[in-house]
Amino acid sequence: MKKLNVDLIVGLFVVAGFLAFVYLSLQLGEFSPFSMEKDYEVKAEFTNISGLKPGAVVEIAGVPVGKVAKIYLGKEDRAVISMAIDKKIKISEDAIASVRTQGIIGDKYVRISQGGSSDFLKNGDSITDTESVVDLEELVSKYIFGKV
């Protein structure tokens, strides 16, 4: 009877440890089975997103409001990013999306500047006003080699 109680406690402890491992793996891997209920998709097209990666932060006024979900090549060889935005956050239809760098050589992120419109984007809508990333290599190359 005593051995059965010890085996039961050890078994429950192992199951609890396994469940904790699964939970932490899902959270650290930035995957949540309930993420579709918390986010909505907004797209934006850029001529250049050099260095931006899926999983990059999307910010409004310096506050994280979402993540870059997917990046792909769209029409006319323009980069299209799909962003997962928190459902609680409303983005105006005339918002501006820009790719920025944290610090001088930091990670790239997407900054959204709200407009003045009282209409808001819905799931699957696109931000039409965008500002692409400034490519420092291209600027240095133009300066050094005198290309205009």
N, C-alpha and C. Protein backbone atom coordinates (compact mmCIF):
# COMPACT_ATOMS: atom_id res chain seq x y z
N MET A 1 0.83 -1.20 0.00
CA MET A 1 0.00 0.00 0.00
C MET A 1 0.87 1.25 0.00
N LYS A 2 1.97 1.25 0.77
CA LYS A 2 2.85 2.39 0.84
C LYS A 2 3.57 2.60 -0.50
N LYS A 3 3.98 1.49 -1.14
CA LYS A 3 4.67 1.56 -2.44
C LYS A 3 3.73 2.13 -3.50
N LEU A 4 2.46 1.77 -3.44
CA LEU A 4 1.48 2.27 -4.39
C LEU A 4 1.33 3.79 -4.27
N ASN A 5 1.30 4.32 -3.05
CA ASN A 5 1.20 5.77 -2.83
C ASN A 5 2.43 6.50 -3.38
N VAL A 6 3.62 5.94 -3.15
CA VAL A 6 4.85 6.56 -3.66
C VAL A 6 4.85 6.55 -5.18
N ASP A 7 4.46 5.43 -5.79
CA ASP A 7 4.41 5.33 -7.25
C ASP A 7 3.39 6.33 -7.82
N LEU A 8 2.26 6.48 -7.17
CA LEU A 8 1.23 7.42 -7.62
C LEU A 8 1.74 8.85 -7.55
N ILE A 9 2.40 9.22 -6.48
CA ILE A 9 2.93 10.58 -6.32
C ILE A 9 4.01 10.84 -7.36
N VAL A 10 4.91 9.89 -7.58
CA VAL A 10 5.96 10.05 -8.59
C VAL A 10 5.33 10.18 -9.98
N GLY A 11 4.33 9.37 -10.27
CA GLY A 11 3.65 9.44 -11.56
C GLY A 11 3.00 10.79 -11.79
N LEU A 12 2.30 11.30 -10.79
CA LEU A 12 1.66 12.61 -10.90
C LEU A 12 2.71 13.72 -11.08
N PHE A 13 3.82 13.59 -10.39
CA PHE A 13 4.89 14.57 -10.51
C PHE A 13 5.48 14.57 -11.93
N VAL A 14 5.66 13.39 -12.51
CA VAL A 14 6.19 13.28 -13.87
C VAL A 14 5.20 13.88 -14.87
N VAL A 15 3.91 13.59 -14.72
CA VAL A 15 2.89 14.15 -15.62
C VAL A 15 2.85 15.67 -15.50
N ALA A 16 2.91 16.19 -14.29
CA ALA A 16 2.91 17.64 -14.08
C ALA A 16 4.14 18.28 -14.71
N GLY A 17 5.29 17.63 -14.58
CA GLY A 17 6.51 18.14 -15.20
C GLY A 17 6.41 18.15 -16.71
N PHE A 18 5.85 17.10 -17.28
CA PHE A 18 5.68 17.04 -18.73
C PHE A 18 4.74 18.14 -19.23
N LEU A 19 3.63 18.35 -18.52
CA LEU A 19 2.69 19.41 -18.91
C LEU A 19 3.34 20.79 -18.80
N ALA A 20 4.15 21.00 -17.77
CA ALA A 20 4.86 22.28 -17.63
C ALA A 20 5.85 22.46 -18.78
N PHE A 21 6.54 21.40 -19.19
CA PHE A 21 7.47 21.45 -20.31
C PHE A 21 6.74 21.81 -21.61
N VAL A 22 5.59 21.20 -21.85
CA VAL A 22 4.82 21.49 -23.06
C VAL A 22 4.36 22.95 -23.07
N TYR A 23 3.86 23.42 -21.93
CA TYR A 23 3.41 24.81 -21.82
C TYR A 23 4.55 25.78 -22.11
N LEU A 24 5.71 25.57 -21.49
CA LEU A 24 6.85 26.46 -21.70
C LEU A 24 7.34 26.41 -23.14
N SER A 25 7.33 25.24 -23.74
CA SER A 25 7.76 25.11 -25.14
C SER A 25 6.85 25.91 -26.06
N LEU A 26 5.56 25.86 -25.83
CA LEU A 26 4.62 26.61 -26.65
C LEU A 26 4.80 28.11 -26.46
N GLN A 27 5.02 28.54 -25.23
CA GLN A 27 5.17 29.97 -24.96
C GLN A 27 6.48 30.51 -25.50
N LEU A 28 7.58 29.80 -25.31
CA LEU A 28 8.88 30.25 -25.79
C LEU A 28 8.98 30.15 -27.30
N GLY A 29 8.27 29.22 -27.88
CA GLY A 29 8.26 29.07 -29.33
C GLY A 29 7.32 30.04 -30.00
N GLU A 30 6.71 30.92 -29.24
CA GLU A 30 5.77 31.93 -29.74
C GLU A 30 4.63 31.29 -30.53
N PHE A 31 4.19 30.16 -30.07
CA PHE A 31 3.05 29.49 -30.68
C PHE A 31 2.00 29.33 -29.61
N SER A 32 0.79 29.64 -29.97
CA SER A 32 -0.30 29.44 -29.04
C SER A 32 -1.48 28.88 -29.81
N PRO A 33 -2.07 27.80 -29.33
CA PRO A 33 -3.20 27.25 -30.05
C PRO A 33 -4.40 28.20 -30.08
N PHE A 34 -4.38 29.22 -29.23
CA PHE A 34 -5.49 30.16 -29.17
C PHE A 34 -5.14 31.50 -29.82
N SER A 35 -4.00 31.58 -30.54
CA SER A 35 -3.54 32.86 -31.09
C SER A 35 -4.50 33.40 -32.14
N MET A 36 -5.19 32.55 -32.87
CA MET A 36 -6.09 33.02 -33.91
C MET A 36 -7.25 33.82 -33.31
N GLU A 37 -7.62 33.53 -32.10
CA GLU A 37 -8.73 34.23 -31.46
C GLU A 37 -8.30 35.60 -30.93
N LYS A 38 -7.00 35.79 -30.67
CA LYS A 38 -6.53 37.02 -30.07
C LYS A 38 -6.04 38.04 -31.10
N ASP A 39 -5.79 37.62 -32.34
CA ASP A 39 -5.17 38.49 -33.32
C ASP A 39 -6.02 38.63 -34.58
N TYR A 40 -5.75 39.68 -35.32
CA TYR A 40 -6.31 39.80 -36.66
C TYR A 40 -5.17 40.18 -37.61
N GLU A 41 -5.36 39.89 -38.90
CA GLU A 41 -4.31 40.06 -39.88
C GLU A 41 -4.43 41.40 -40.61
N VAL A 42 -3.29 42.08 -40.72
CA VAL A 42 -3.18 43.31 -41.50
C VAL A 42 -1.96 43.15 -42.39
N LYS A 43 -2.07 43.57 -43.65
CA LYS A 43 -0.96 43.45 -44.60
C LYS A 43 -0.44 44.82 -44.98
N ALA A 44 0.80 44.84 -45.46
CA ALA A 44 1.40 46.06 -45.98
C ALA A 44 2.44 45.69 -47.02
N GLU A 45 2.54 46.51 -48.08
CA GLU A 45 3.51 46.28 -49.16
C GLU A 45 4.62 47.32 -49.08
N PHE A 46 5.85 46.84 -49.28
CA PHE A 46 7.04 47.71 -49.23
C PHE A 46 7.91 47.45 -50.45
N THR A 47 8.68 48.46 -50.85
CA THR A 47 9.65 48.25 -51.92
C THR A 47 10.91 47.58 -51.38
N ASN A 48 11.20 47.75 -50.08
CA ASN A 48 12.39 47.16 -49.48
C ASN A 48 12.16 46.95 -47.99
N ILE A 49 12.39 45.73 -47.52
CA ILE A 49 12.26 45.44 -46.09
C ILE A 49 13.55 44.80 -45.57
N SER A 50 14.64 45.12 -46.18
CA SER A 50 15.94 44.52 -45.91
C SER A 50 16.17 44.28 -44.41
N GLY A 51 16.32 43.01 -44.03
CA GLY A 51 16.63 42.65 -42.65
C GLY A 51 15.43 42.36 -41.77
N LEU A 52 14.22 42.65 -42.23
CA LEU A 52 13.02 42.35 -41.43
C LEU A 52 12.75 40.86 -41.50
N LYS A 53 12.43 40.26 -40.37
CA LYS A 53 12.21 38.82 -40.31
C LYS A 53 10.85 38.50 -39.69
N PRO A 54 10.28 37.34 -40.04
CA PRO A 54 9.05 36.92 -39.37
C PRO A 54 9.28 36.84 -37.86
N GLY A 55 8.32 37.28 -37.10
CA GLY A 55 8.45 37.30 -35.64
C GLY A 55 8.88 38.67 -35.13
N ALA A 56 9.24 39.59 -36.04
CA ALA A 56 9.64 40.93 -35.63
C ALA A 56 8.45 41.64 -34.97
N VAL A 57 8.75 42.56 -34.10
CA VAL A 57 7.74 43.28 -33.33
C VAL A 57 7.06 44.33 -34.21
N VAL A 58 5.77 44.53 -33.98
CA VAL A 58 5.00 45.63 -34.58
C VAL A 58 4.63 46.56 -33.44
N GLU A 59 4.97 47.84 -33.58
CA GLU A 59 4.75 48.80 -32.50
C GLU A 59 3.89 49.98 -32.95
N ILE A 60 3.13 50.49 -32.01
CA ILE A 60 2.44 51.77 -32.17
C ILE A 60 2.86 52.62 -30.98
N ALA A 61 3.44 53.77 -31.24
CA ALA A 61 3.91 54.69 -30.19
C ALA A 61 4.87 54.00 -29.23
N GLY A 62 5.69 53.08 -29.74
CA GLY A 62 6.67 52.39 -28.92
C GLY A 62 6.13 51.23 -28.12
N VAL A 63 4.85 50.93 -28.26
CA VAL A 63 4.22 49.84 -27.52
C VAL A 63 4.00 48.65 -28.45
N PRO A 64 4.49 47.46 -28.10
CA PRO A 64 4.27 46.29 -28.95
C PRO A 64 2.78 45.95 -29.05
N VAL A 65 2.28 45.82 -30.29
CA VAL A 65 0.87 45.51 -30.51
C VAL A 65 0.69 44.27 -31.39
N GLY A 66 1.79 43.68 -31.83
CA GLY A 66 1.69 42.50 -32.68
C GLY A 66 3.04 42.04 -33.16
N LYS A 67 3.01 41.12 -34.12
CA LYS A 67 4.23 40.54 -34.68
C LYS A 67 4.08 40.37 -36.18
N VAL A 68 5.21 40.34 -36.86
CA VAL A 68 5.21 40.03 -38.29
C VAL A 68 5.00 38.53 -38.41
N ALA A 69 3.90 38.12 -39.05
CA ALA A 69 3.56 36.71 -39.15
C ALA A 69 4.21 36.05 -40.36
N LYS A 70 4.19 36.76 -41.51
CA LYS A 70 4.67 36.15 -42.74
C LYS A 70 5.21 37.23 -43.66
N ILE A 71 6.24 36.89 -44.43
CA ILE A 71 6.81 37.79 -45.43
C ILE A 71 6.88 37.03 -46.74
N TYR A 72 6.40 37.67 -47.81
CA TYR A 72 6.48 37.02 -49.13
C TYR A 72 6.57 38.07 -50.22
N LEU A 73 6.92 37.63 -51.42
CA LEU A 73 7.05 38.52 -52.56
C LEU A 73 5.70 38.63 -53.26
N GLY A 74 5.23 39.86 -53.43
CA GLY A 74 3.93 40.09 -54.04
C GLY A 74 4.04 40.56 -55.47
N LYS A 75 3.02 41.27 -55.92
CA LYS A 75 2.99 41.79 -57.29
C LYS A 75 4.08 42.83 -57.48
N GLU A 76 4.56 42.91 -58.71
CA GLU A 76 5.57 43.89 -59.10
C GLU A 76 6.81 43.82 -58.22
N ASP A 77 7.17 42.62 -57.78
CA ASP A 77 8.36 42.40 -56.95
C ASP A 77 8.40 43.28 -55.70
N ARG A 78 7.26 43.44 -55.07
CA ARG A 78 7.19 44.19 -53.82
C ARG A 78 7.07 43.21 -52.66
N ALA A 79 7.72 43.54 -51.56
CA ALA A 79 7.66 42.70 -50.37
C ALA A 79 6.33 42.94 -49.65
N VAL A 80 5.65 41.86 -49.32
CA VAL A 80 4.38 41.95 -48.60
C VAL A 80 4.60 41.33 -47.22
N ILE A 81 4.24 42.07 -46.19
CA ILE A 81 4.30 41.51 -44.84
C ILE A 81 2.89 41.36 -44.30
N SER A 82 2.68 40.26 -43.64
CA SER A 82 1.42 40.00 -42.97
C SER A 82 1.68 40.11 -41.47
N MET A 83 0.91 40.96 -40.80
CA MET A 83 1.12 41.20 -39.37
C MET A 83 -0.06 40.68 -38.56
N ALA A 84 0.24 40.04 -37.46
CA ALA A 84 -0.79 39.60 -36.52
C ALA A 84 -0.90 40.66 -35.44
N ILE A 85 -2.02 41.38 -35.44
CA ILE A 85 -2.25 42.50 -34.51
C ILE A 85 -3.25 42.08 -33.45
N ASP A 86 -2.98 42.47 -32.21
CA ASP A 86 -3.87 42.17 -31.09
C ASP A 86 -5.26 42.73 -31.38
N LYS A 87 -6.30 41.92 -31.17
CA LYS A 87 -7.68 42.32 -31.47
C LYS A 87 -8.12 43.57 -30.70
N LYS A 88 -7.51 43.84 -29.57
CA LYS A 88 -7.88 45.01 -28.77
C LYS A 88 -7.40 46.31 -29.40
N ILE A 89 -6.44 46.21 -30.32
CA ILE A 89 -5.85 47.40 -30.93
C ILE A 89 -6.56 47.72 -32.24
N LYS A 90 -6.98 48.96 -32.40
CA LYS A 90 -7.64 49.42 -33.62
C LYS A 90 -6.66 50.27 -34.41
N ILE A 91 -6.49 49.95 -35.70
CA ILE A 91 -5.59 50.70 -36.57
C ILE A 91 -6.44 51.47 -37.57
N SER A 92 -6.21 52.78 -37.66
CA SER A 92 -6.99 53.61 -38.56
C SER A 92 -6.66 53.29 -40.02
N GLU A 93 -7.62 53.53 -40.90
CA GLU A 93 -7.45 53.21 -42.32
C GLU A 93 -6.34 54.01 -42.97
N ASP A 94 -6.03 55.20 -42.45
CA ASP A 94 -4.99 56.02 -43.04
C ASP A 94 -3.67 55.95 -42.27
N ALA A 95 -3.45 54.84 -41.56
CA ALA A 95 -2.21 54.64 -40.82
C ALA A 95 -1.03 54.49 -41.77
N ILE A 96 0.17 54.75 -41.27
CA ILE A 96 1.39 54.60 -42.06
C ILE A 96 2.25 53.53 -41.39
N ALA A 97 2.69 52.55 -42.17
CA ALA A 97 3.58 51.50 -41.67
C ALA A 97 4.99 51.77 -42.18
N SER A 98 5.97 51.68 -41.30
CA SER A 98 7.36 51.88 -41.72
C SER A 98 8.25 50.85 -41.05
N VAL A 99 9.30 50.45 -41.77
CA VAL A 99 10.27 49.51 -41.24
C VAL A 99 11.38 50.33 -40.60
N ARG A 100 11.66 50.08 -39.34
CA ARG A 100 12.64 50.84 -38.57
C ARG A 100 13.68 49.90 -37.97
N THR A 101 14.77 50.50 -37.50
CA THR A 101 15.84 49.75 -36.84
C THR A 101 15.93 50.20 -35.40
N GLN A 102 16.05 49.24 -34.49
CA GLN A 102 16.24 49.57 -33.08
C GLN A 102 17.71 49.90 -32.89
N GLY A 103 18.01 51.16 -32.66
CA GLY A 103 19.40 51.58 -32.54
C GLY A 103 20.08 51.65 -33.89
N ILE A 104 21.41 51.71 -33.90
CA ILE A 104 22.15 51.85 -35.16
C ILE A 104 22.21 50.55 -35.93
N ILE A 105 22.51 49.45 -35.24
CA ILE A 105 22.62 48.15 -35.93
C ILE A 105 21.71 47.12 -35.29
N GLY A 106 20.62 47.56 -34.72
CA GLY A 106 19.71 46.67 -34.02
C GLY A 106 18.77 45.91 -34.95
N ASP A 107 17.85 45.19 -34.35
CA ASP A 107 16.86 44.42 -35.10
C ASP A 107 15.88 45.36 -35.80
N LYS A 108 15.32 44.87 -36.88
CA LYS A 108 14.29 45.62 -37.60
C LYS A 108 12.94 45.35 -36.96
N TYR A 109 12.06 46.34 -37.03
CA TYR A 109 10.70 46.19 -36.54
C TYR A 109 9.78 47.06 -37.39
N VAL A 110 8.48 46.88 -37.25
CA VAL A 110 7.51 47.67 -38.00
C VAL A 110 6.86 48.67 -37.05
N ARG A 111 6.92 49.94 -37.44
CA ARG A 111 6.27 50.99 -36.65
C ARG A 111 5.03 51.45 -37.40
N ILE A 112 3.92 51.49 -36.71
CA ILE A 112 2.68 51.97 -37.29
C ILE A 112 2.34 53.31 -36.65
N SER A 113 2.16 54.31 -37.51
CA SER A 113 1.75 55.64 -37.05
C SER A 113 0.27 55.81 -37.40
N GLN A 114 -0.54 56.01 -36.38
CA GLN A 114 -1.97 56.14 -36.59
C GLN A 114 -2.29 57.42 -37.35
N GLY A 115 -3.33 57.36 -38.16
CA GLY A 115 -3.81 58.53 -38.88
C GLY A 115 -4.97 59.15 -38.13
N GLY A 116 -5.70 60.01 -38.80
CA GLY A 116 -6.81 60.71 -38.16
C GLY A 116 -8.18 60.16 -38.50
N SER A 117 -8.22 59.10 -39.31
CA SER A 117 -9.50 58.55 -39.74
C SER A 117 -10.25 57.89 -38.58
N SER A 118 -11.57 57.97 -38.64
CA SER A 118 -12.38 57.29 -37.62
C SER A 118 -12.77 55.89 -38.07
N ASP A 119 -12.39 55.51 -39.30
CA ASP A 119 -12.62 54.15 -39.79
C ASP A 119 -11.38 53.31 -39.50
N PHE A 120 -11.60 52.04 -39.16
CA PHE A 120 -10.50 51.17 -38.76
C PHE A 120 -10.36 49.98 -39.70
N LEU A 121 -9.14 49.45 -39.78
CA LEU A 121 -8.87 48.28 -40.59
C LEU A 121 -9.51 47.05 -39.98
N LYS A 122 -9.94 46.14 -40.86
CA LYS A 122 -10.52 44.87 -40.42
C LYS A 122 -9.58 43.74 -40.79
N ASN A 123 -9.90 42.54 -40.35
CA ASN A 123 -9.09 41.36 -40.64
C ASN A 123 -8.89 41.22 -42.15
N GLY A 124 -7.62 41.14 -42.58
CA GLY A 124 -7.29 40.96 -43.99
C GLY A 124 -7.09 42.25 -44.76
N ASP A 125 -7.38 43.40 -44.17
CA ASP A 125 -7.18 44.69 -44.85
C ASP A 125 -5.68 45.01 -44.96
N SER A 126 -5.38 46.02 -45.78
CA SER A 126 -3.99 46.41 -46.00
C SER A 126 -3.77 47.87 -45.63
N ILE A 127 -2.57 48.14 -45.14
CA ILE A 127 -2.13 49.51 -44.91
C ILE A 127 -1.54 49.98 -46.24
N THR A 128 -2.07 51.05 -46.79
CA THR A 128 -1.66 51.49 -48.13
C THR A 128 -0.45 52.43 -48.09
N ASP A 129 -0.29 53.21 -47.04
CA ASP A 129 0.85 54.13 -46.94
C ASP A 129 1.98 53.44 -46.18
N THR A 130 3.11 53.26 -46.86
CA THR A 130 4.25 52.58 -46.24
C THR A 130 5.54 53.36 -46.50
N GLU A 131 6.50 53.18 -45.61
CA GLU A 131 7.84 53.74 -45.76
C GLU A 131 8.83 52.60 -45.65
N SER A 132 9.58 52.36 -46.71
CA SER A 132 10.54 51.26 -46.70
C SER A 132 11.77 51.60 -45.87
N VAL A 133 12.54 50.58 -45.58
CA VAL A 133 13.75 50.73 -44.78
C VAL A 133 14.81 51.47 -45.58
N VAL A 134 15.61 52.28 -44.89
CA VAL A 134 16.73 52.96 -45.52
C VAL A 134 17.90 51.98 -45.52
N ASP A 135 18.40 51.65 -46.71
CA ASP A 135 19.50 50.69 -46.85
C ASP A 135 20.82 51.42 -46.74
N LEU A 136 21.51 51.28 -45.60
CA LEU A 136 22.76 51.99 -45.37
C LEU A 136 23.85 51.57 -46.35
N GLU A 137 23.88 50.29 -46.72
CA GLU A 137 24.89 49.82 -47.68
C GLU A 137 24.73 50.54 -49.02
N GLU A 138 23.49 50.71 -49.45
CA GLU A 138 23.23 51.39 -50.71
C GLU A 138 23.65 52.85 -50.64
N LEU A 139 23.38 53.52 -49.51
CA LEU A 139 23.78 54.91 -49.34
C LEU A 139 25.29 55.06 -49.34
N VAL A 140 25.99 54.19 -48.64
CA VAL A 140 27.45 54.24 -48.60
C VAL A 140 28.02 53.97 -49.99
N SER A 141 27.46 53.01 -50.68
CA SER A 141 27.90 52.68 -52.03
C SER A 141 27.74 53.89 -52.96
N LYS A 142 26.64 54.59 -52.88
CA LYS A 142 26.42 55.77 -53.71
C LYS A 142 27.44 56.85 -53.39
N TYR A 143 27.73 57.00 -52.11
CA TYR A 143 28.67 58.04 -51.70
C TYR A 143 30.10 57.71 -52.16
N ILE A 144 30.52 56.46 -51.94
CA ILE A 144 31.88 56.06 -52.27
C ILE A 144 32.12 56.02 -53.77
N PHE A 145 31.21 55.43 -54.50
CA PHE A 145 31.41 55.25 -55.93
C PHE A 145 30.79 56.36 -56.78
N GLY A 146 30.19 57.34 -56.13
CA GLY A 146 29.66 58.50 -56.83
C GLY A 146 28.46 58.21 -57.70
N LYS A 147 27.77 57.12 -57.43
CA LYS A 147 26.57 56.80 -58.22
C LYS A 147 25.41 57.63 -57.71
N VAL A 148 24.65 58.16 -58.62
CA VAL A 148 23.51 58.99 -58.21
C VAL A 148 22.22 58.30 -58.55
